[in-house]
């Protein structure tokens, strides 16, 4: 019999934290975070990291793992969370995986191929020189001419990913998009149920706007100042996260404070839309509406579904 998992997903600010804690309490288990930003030590306010009082005594894993200047991959998440899942199963507990980072979730329920580490220093060096000489748009145009599918999926500003797609093509002769056609082969490791939390779109956007205001009032600017004082510059992947990059722009005098707030809210809404698009593509997800005024009804629906699936 395969080990069971309960996975709770959804867009930012929809209420995954509260629902996952209440679900873990019900199941007498622990929570594993699937949030790519909450792995960073010292990045608390801008990531809406769960507070100790919010945990209600429920152990949480995969939070505060590395410093902002350290590297962490999807493969690292799969390996480390997989070990925790194994430990919990040995204790007779069914883990609750909760988060909005779709690729982290997929690393557990699909056989994603992390062994494809093909690379060539010479090719990469040439592409780097080309990037410096002719810019991001030129590289993206190159990718569009040989692999339009990848060019459509990878934004021009993501120069690292564009270069990787070009590198794979020039080494193998196979478009990067074609090399990932078997990216989603379902894993046989777990018997899982996925619950997706959704909310009226305008209500969700209002909650996002309110959360940004609360982050600033709770000291987000001071958090960013402190992180930079420790040598964490804006070029780091961690510091490119929503909330951090906009405050850095404000601190550097590139935009006004008011503009930084507007961009944080806009970018967070765009993130929520991308997350919903990602998860809506998975027809195995049981969607539950979140009504903040009647959250008990949401929790009851989650409980009923878990009972139907033999989890409770």
Protein backbone atom coordinates (compact mmCIF):
# COMPACT_ATOMS: atom_id res chain seq x y z
CA UNK A 1 0.00 0.00 0.00
CA UNK A 2 1.35 3.40 -1.00
CA UNK A 3 1.87 6.09 1.62
CA UNK A 4 -0.77 8.81 1.71
CA UNK A 5 -0.37 12.57 1.32
CA UNK A 6 -2.81 15.44 1.75
CA UNK A 7 -1.87 18.41 -0.43
CA UNK A 8 -3.42 21.86 -0.03
CA UNK A 9 -2.75 24.36 -2.81
CA UNK A 10 -4.10 27.66 -4.07
CA UNK A 11 -3.16 31.26 -4.84
CA UNK A 12 -1.38 33.62 -2.51
CA UNK A 13 -3.51 35.11 0.30
CA UNK A 14 -6.36 32.62 -0.17
CA UNK A 15 -5.94 31.17 3.33
CA UNK A 16 -3.79 28.05 2.88
CA UNK A 17 -1.97 28.62 6.17
CA UNK A 18 -5.08 28.54 8.34
CA UNK A 19 -6.75 25.66 6.50
CA UNK A 20 -3.59 23.54 6.55
CA UNK A 21 -3.08 24.06 10.29
CA UNK A 22 -6.71 23.20 11.09
CA UNK A 23 -6.49 20.14 8.82
CA UNK A 24 -3.25 18.98 10.47
CA UNK A 25 -4.87 19.36 13.89
CA UNK A 26 -7.77 17.24 12.74
CA UNK A 27 -5.43 14.56 11.42
CA UNK A 28 -2.94 14.76 14.31
CA UNK A 29 -0.10 15.30 11.89
CA UNK A 30 2.47 17.85 10.70
CA UNK A 31 2.74 20.36 7.86
CA UNK A 32 5.37 20.49 5.13
CA UNK A 33 5.60 23.87 3.40
CA UNK A 34 5.70 23.94 -0.39
CA UNK A 35 6.53 27.63 -0.67
CA UNK A 36 9.68 28.62 -2.53
CA UNK A 37 10.12 31.86 -0.55
CA UNK A 38 9.59 30.56 2.97
CA UNK A 39 12.78 28.52 2.82
CA UNK A 40 14.86 31.67 3.44
CA UNK A 41 16.07 32.59 6.91
CA UNK A 42 15.36 36.20 7.84
CA UNK A 43 12.80 36.74 5.11
CA UNK A 44 9.67 36.66 7.22
CA UNK A 45 7.43 39.64 6.61
CA UNK A 46 7.63 39.81 2.82
CA UNK A 47 7.00 36.06 2.49
CA UNK A 48 4.02 36.07 4.89
CA UNK A 49 5.85 33.34 6.80
CA UNK A 50 3.70 31.55 9.34
CA UNK A 51 4.13 32.89 12.89
CA UNK A 52 4.55 30.66 15.95
CA UNK A 53 1.10 31.56 17.26
CA UNK A 54 -0.45 30.67 13.89
CA UNK A 55 1.09 27.19 14.02
CA UNK A 56 -1.04 26.34 17.07
CA UNK A 57 1.55 23.81 18.16
CA UNK A 58 1.61 21.99 14.81
CA UNK A 59 5.19 21.23 13.69
CA UNK A 60 6.07 22.83 10.34
CA UNK A 61 8.86 21.71 8.03
CA UNK A 62 10.75 23.15 5.03
CA UNK A 63 10.75 26.66 6.48
CA UNK A 64 13.90 28.67 7.34
CA UNK A 65 16.26 26.24 5.63
CA UNK A 66 18.90 28.43 4.01
CA UNK A 67 20.23 31.98 3.96
CA UNK A 68 19.09 34.30 1.16
CA UNK A 69 22.42 34.05 -0.68
CA UNK A 70 22.37 30.24 -0.81
CA UNK A 71 21.12 28.09 -3.68
CA UNK A 72 18.11 25.81 -3.37
CA UNK A 73 16.61 23.79 -6.22
CA UNK A 74 13.42 21.86 -6.84
CA UNK A 75 15.53 18.74 -6.58
CA UNK A 76 16.65 19.84 -3.11
CA UNK A 77 13.02 20.32 -2.12
CA UNK A 78 12.05 16.87 -3.39
CA UNK A 79 14.93 15.19 -1.56
CA UNK A 80 14.54 16.98 1.76
CA UNK A 81 10.77 16.93 1.92
CA UNK A 82 10.77 13.29 0.80
CA UNK A 83 12.90 12.40 3.81
CA UNK A 84 10.49 14.20 6.14
CA UNK A 85 7.51 12.48 4.54
CA UNK A 86 9.21 9.14 5.15
CA UNK A 87 9.83 9.94 8.80
CA UNK A 88 6.22 10.98 9.33
CA UNK A 89 4.92 7.84 7.67
CA UNK A 90 7.07 5.76 10.02
CA UNK A 91 5.27 7.50 12.89
CA UNK A 92 1.93 6.62 11.34
CA UNK A 93 1.18 10.19 10.28
CA UNK A 94 -0.15 11.38 6.93
CA UNK A 95 1.71 14.62 6.06
CA UNK A 96 -0.09 17.77 4.99
CA UNK A 97 1.76 19.51 2.14
CA UNK A 98 0.70 23.14 1.88
CA UNK A 99 1.86 25.87 -0.47
CA UNK A 100 1.49 27.73 -3.71
CA UNK A 101 4.72 26.77 -5.50
CA UNK A 102 3.37 24.43 -8.15
CA UNK A 103 6.74 23.02 -9.17
CA UNK A 104 7.50 22.02 -5.56
CA UNK A 105 4.19 20.19 -5.35
CA UNK A 106 4.74 18.54 -8.72
CA UNK A 107 8.18 17.33 -7.69
CA UNK A 108 6.44 15.06 -5.19
CA UNK A 109 3.58 13.75 -7.33
CA UNK A 110 5.35 13.51 -10.68
CA UNK A 111 8.57 11.82 -11.70
CA UNK A 112 10.36 14.99 -12.69
CA UNK A 113 13.70 14.25 -14.28
CA UNK A 114 16.47 15.96 -12.35
CA UNK A 115 19.23 13.81 -13.86
CA UNK A 116 19.35 15.81 -17.11
CA UNK A 117 22.33 17.93 -16.11
CA UNK A 118 23.83 18.21 -19.60
CA UNK A 119 25.88 21.38 -19.93
CA UNK A 120 28.84 22.82 -21.78
CA UNK A 121 31.01 25.58 -20.32
CA UNK A 122 32.10 26.79 -23.74
CA UNK A 123 28.55 27.16 -25.02
CA UNK A 124 27.47 28.88 -21.82
CA UNK A 125 30.42 31.29 -21.96
CA UNK A 126 29.59 32.25 -25.53
CA UNK A 127 25.97 32.87 -24.62
CA UNK A 128 27.03 34.97 -21.63
CA UNK A 129 29.24 37.13 -23.83
CA UNK A 130 26.40 37.48 -26.31
CA UNK A 131 24.06 38.56 -23.52
CA UNK A 132 26.51 41.24 -22.38
CA UNK A 133 27.12 42.47 -25.92
CA UNK A 134 23.62 42.41 -27.43
CA UNK A 135 21.20 42.11 -24.51
CA UNK A 136 18.28 39.97 -23.39
CA UNK A 137 16.02 40.72 -26.33
CA UNK A 138 18.61 39.40 -28.80
CA UNK A 139 18.94 36.10 -26.93
CA UNK A 140 15.18 35.75 -26.69
CA UNK A 141 14.87 36.35 -30.44
CA UNK A 142 17.43 33.60 -31.00
CA UNK A 143 15.36 31.24 -28.90
CA UNK A 144 12.19 32.19 -30.73
CA UNK A 145 13.76 31.29 -34.05
CA UNK A 146 14.75 27.77 -32.96
CA UNK A 147 12.21 26.93 -30.24
CA UNK A 148 9.09 29.14 -30.32
CA UNK A 149 7.35 27.03 -27.66
CA UNK A 150 10.07 27.71 -25.11
CA UNK A 151 10.27 31.36 -26.16
CA UNK A 152 6.56 31.68 -25.46
CA UNK A 153 6.91 30.08 -22.03
CA UNK A 154 10.08 31.86 -20.91
CA UNK A 155 9.95 35.61 -20.39
CA UNK A 156 12.65 37.67 -22.04
CA UNK A 157 13.76 39.04 -18.65
CA UNK A 158 14.52 35.53 -17.41
CA UNK A 159 17.86 35.57 -19.19
CA UNK A 160 19.22 32.61 -17.20
CA UNK A 161 16.36 30.37 -18.34
CA UNK A 162 16.61 31.63 -21.94
CA UNK A 163 20.33 30.81 -21.94
CA UNK A 164 19.63 27.36 -20.55
CA UNK A 165 17.12 26.63 -23.31
CA UNK A 166 19.63 27.79 -25.93
CA UNK A 167 22.39 25.74 -24.32
CA UNK A 168 20.32 22.54 -24.42
CA UNK A 169 19.49 23.11 -28.08
CA UNK A 170 23.06 23.83 -29.15
CA UNK A 171 24.40 20.78 -27.29
CA UNK A 172 21.72 18.25 -28.23
CA UNK A 173 20.09 19.68 -31.33
CA UNK A 174 16.74 19.07 -29.62
CA UNK A 175 14.51 22.01 -28.67
CA UNK A 176 14.27 22.57 -24.93
CA UNK A 177 10.47 22.25 -25.14
CA UNK A 178 10.76 18.82 -26.79
CA UNK A 179 13.23 17.61 -24.16
CA UNK A 180 10.60 18.26 -21.50
CA UNK A 181 7.63 16.50 -23.11
CA UNK A 182 7.73 13.72 -20.50
CA UNK A 183 8.11 16.18 -17.65
CA UNK A 184 4.85 15.10 -16.00
CA UNK A 185 4.99 11.33 -15.67
CA UNK A 186 2.94 10.53 -12.60
CA UNK A 187 4.82 9.21 -9.59
CA UNK A 188 3.89 5.89 -8.04
CA UNK A 189 5.36 6.84 -4.66
CA UNK A 190 2.27 8.22 -2.97
CA UNK A 191 -1.48 7.91 -2.77
CA UNK A 192 -2.45 11.55 -2.55
CA UNK A 193 -5.43 13.85 -2.47
CA UNK A 194 -5.13 17.48 -3.57
CA UNK A 195 -7.41 20.19 -2.27
CA UNK A 196 -7.38 23.54 -4.04
CA UNK A 197 -8.58 26.64 -2.24
CA UNK A 198 -10.22 29.35 -4.32
CA UNK A 199 -12.10 32.55 -3.65
CA UNK A 200 -14.10 35.20 -5.45
CA UNK A 201 -11.46 36.93 -7.59
CA UNK A 202 -12.19 40.48 -6.45
CA UNK A 203 -12.28 39.40 -2.81
CA UNK A 204 -8.94 37.68 -3.27
CA UNK A 205 -7.44 40.80 -4.85
CA UNK A 206 -8.74 42.90 -1.96
CA UNK A 207 -7.11 40.51 0.49
CA UNK A 208 -3.84 40.75 -1.44
CA UNK A 209 -3.93 44.56 -1.30
CA UNK A 210 -4.65 44.45 2.43
CA UNK A 211 -1.82 41.98 3.02
CA UNK A 212 0.68 44.26 1.27
CA UNK A 213 -0.38 47.19 3.44
CA UNK A 214 -0.01 45.02 6.55
CA UNK A 215 3.46 43.85 5.50
CA UNK A 216 4.63 47.45 5.20
CA UNK A 217 3.06 48.36 8.55
CA UNK A 218 4.71 45.31 10.14
CA UNK A 219 8.19 46.47 9.08
CA UNK A 220 8.91 45.16 5.58
CA UNK A 221 11.14 48.12 4.76
CA UNK A 222 13.27 47.53 7.85
CA UNK A 223 13.46 43.83 6.97
CA UNK A 224 14.81 44.65 3.50
CA UNK A 225 17.26 47.18 4.91
CA UNK A 226 18.52 44.56 7.36
CA UNK A 227 18.89 41.91 4.68
CA UNK A 228 20.90 44.27 2.49
CA UNK A 229 23.10 45.22 5.44
CA UNK A 230 24.04 41.53 5.63
CA UNK A 231 25.20 41.65 1.99
CA UNK A 232 22.09 40.31 0.30
CA UNK A 233 21.91 42.39 -2.86
CA UNK A 234 19.05 42.74 -5.30
CA UNK A 235 20.60 40.34 -7.82
CA UNK A 236 19.95 37.32 -5.61
CA UNK A 237 17.06 35.04 -6.56
CA UNK A 238 15.66 35.45 -3.06
CA UNK A 239 15.72 39.24 -3.22
CA UNK A 240 13.88 39.19 -6.54
CA UNK A 241 10.80 37.94 -4.71
CA UNK A 242 7.67 40.07 -4.73
CA UNK A 243 7.83 42.64 -1.97
CA UNK A 244 11.59 42.64 -1.82
CA UNK A 245 12.46 43.79 -5.33
CA UNK A 246 9.94 46.65 -5.19
CA UNK A 247 11.20 47.89 -1.82
CA UNK A 248 14.78 47.70 -3.11
CA UNK A 249 13.76 49.88 -6.06
CA UNK A 250 12.24 52.36 -3.62
CA UNK A 251 15.29 52.37 -1.35
CA UNK A 252 17.55 52.92 -4.36
CA UNK A 253 15.49 55.91 -5.44
CA UNK A 254 14.28 54.30 -8.66
CA UNK A 255 10.59 54.59 -7.76
CA UNK A 256 8.50 56.36 -5.12
CA UNK A 257 7.15 54.64 -2.04
CA UNK A 258 3.63 54.89 -3.42
CA UNK A 259 4.74 53.26 -6.65
CA UNK A 260 6.45 50.44 -4.76
CA UNK A 261 3.13 49.67 -3.02
CA UNK A 262 1.26 49.73 -6.32
CA UNK A 263 3.75 47.37 -7.93
CA UNK A 264 3.72 44.97 -4.97
CA UNK A 265 -0.06 44.73 -5.15
CA UNK A 266 -0.10 44.39 -8.93
CA UNK A 267 2.65 41.76 -8.99
CA UNK A 268 0.99 39.79 -6.20
CA UNK A 269 -2.30 39.76 -8.10
CA UNK A 270 -0.47 38.56 -11.19
CA UNK A 271 1.18 35.82 -9.13
CA UNK A 272 -2.21 34.70 -7.84
CA UNK A 273 -3.53 34.52 -11.40
CA UNK A 274 -0.53 32.43 -12.53
CA UNK A 275 -0.94 30.09 -9.57
CA UNK A 276 -4.61 29.55 -10.35
CA UNK A 277 -3.83 28.89 -14.00
CA UNK A 278 -1.17 26.34 -12.99
CA UNK A 279 -3.37 24.44 -10.55
CA UNK A 280 -6.56 24.61 -12.61
CA UNK A 281 -4.78 22.55 -15.25
CA UNK A 282 -4.75 19.58 -12.84
CA UNK A 283 -8.14 17.87 -12.94
CA UNK A 284 -7.37 15.77 -9.86
CA UNK A 285 -7.72 18.79 -7.60
CA UNK A 286 -10.85 19.06 -5.47
CA UNK A 287 -11.69 22.77 -5.37
CA UNK A 288 -13.15 24.28 -2.22
CA UNK A 289 -14.39 27.84 -1.97
CA UNK A 290 -13.04 29.96 0.87
CA UNK A 291 -15.46 32.35 2.50
CA UNK A 292 -13.55 34.37 5.12
CA UNK A 293 -16.80 35.24 6.87
CA UNK A 294 -17.72 31.56 7.18
CA UNK A 295 -14.37 29.78 7.30
CA UNK A 296 -15.92 26.93 9.31
CA UNK A 297 -17.90 25.93 6.22
CA UNK A 298 -14.66 25.72 4.22
CA UNK A 299 -13.07 23.55 6.89
CA UNK A 300 -16.17 21.34 6.96
CA UNK A 301 -15.97 20.81 3.19
CA UNK A 302 -12.30 19.88 3.48
CA UNK A 303 -13.07 17.48 6.30
CA UNK A 304 -15.93 15.86 4.37
CA UNK A 305 -13.75 15.36 1.31
CA UNK A 306 -10.98 13.78 3.36
CA UNK A 307 -13.53 11.46 4.93
CA UNK A 308 -14.82 10.48 1.49
CA UNK A 309 -11.25 9.67 0.42
CA UNK A 310 -10.60 7.54 3.49
CA UNK A 311 -8.09 9.93 5.07
CA UNK A 312 -10.18 10.60 8.18
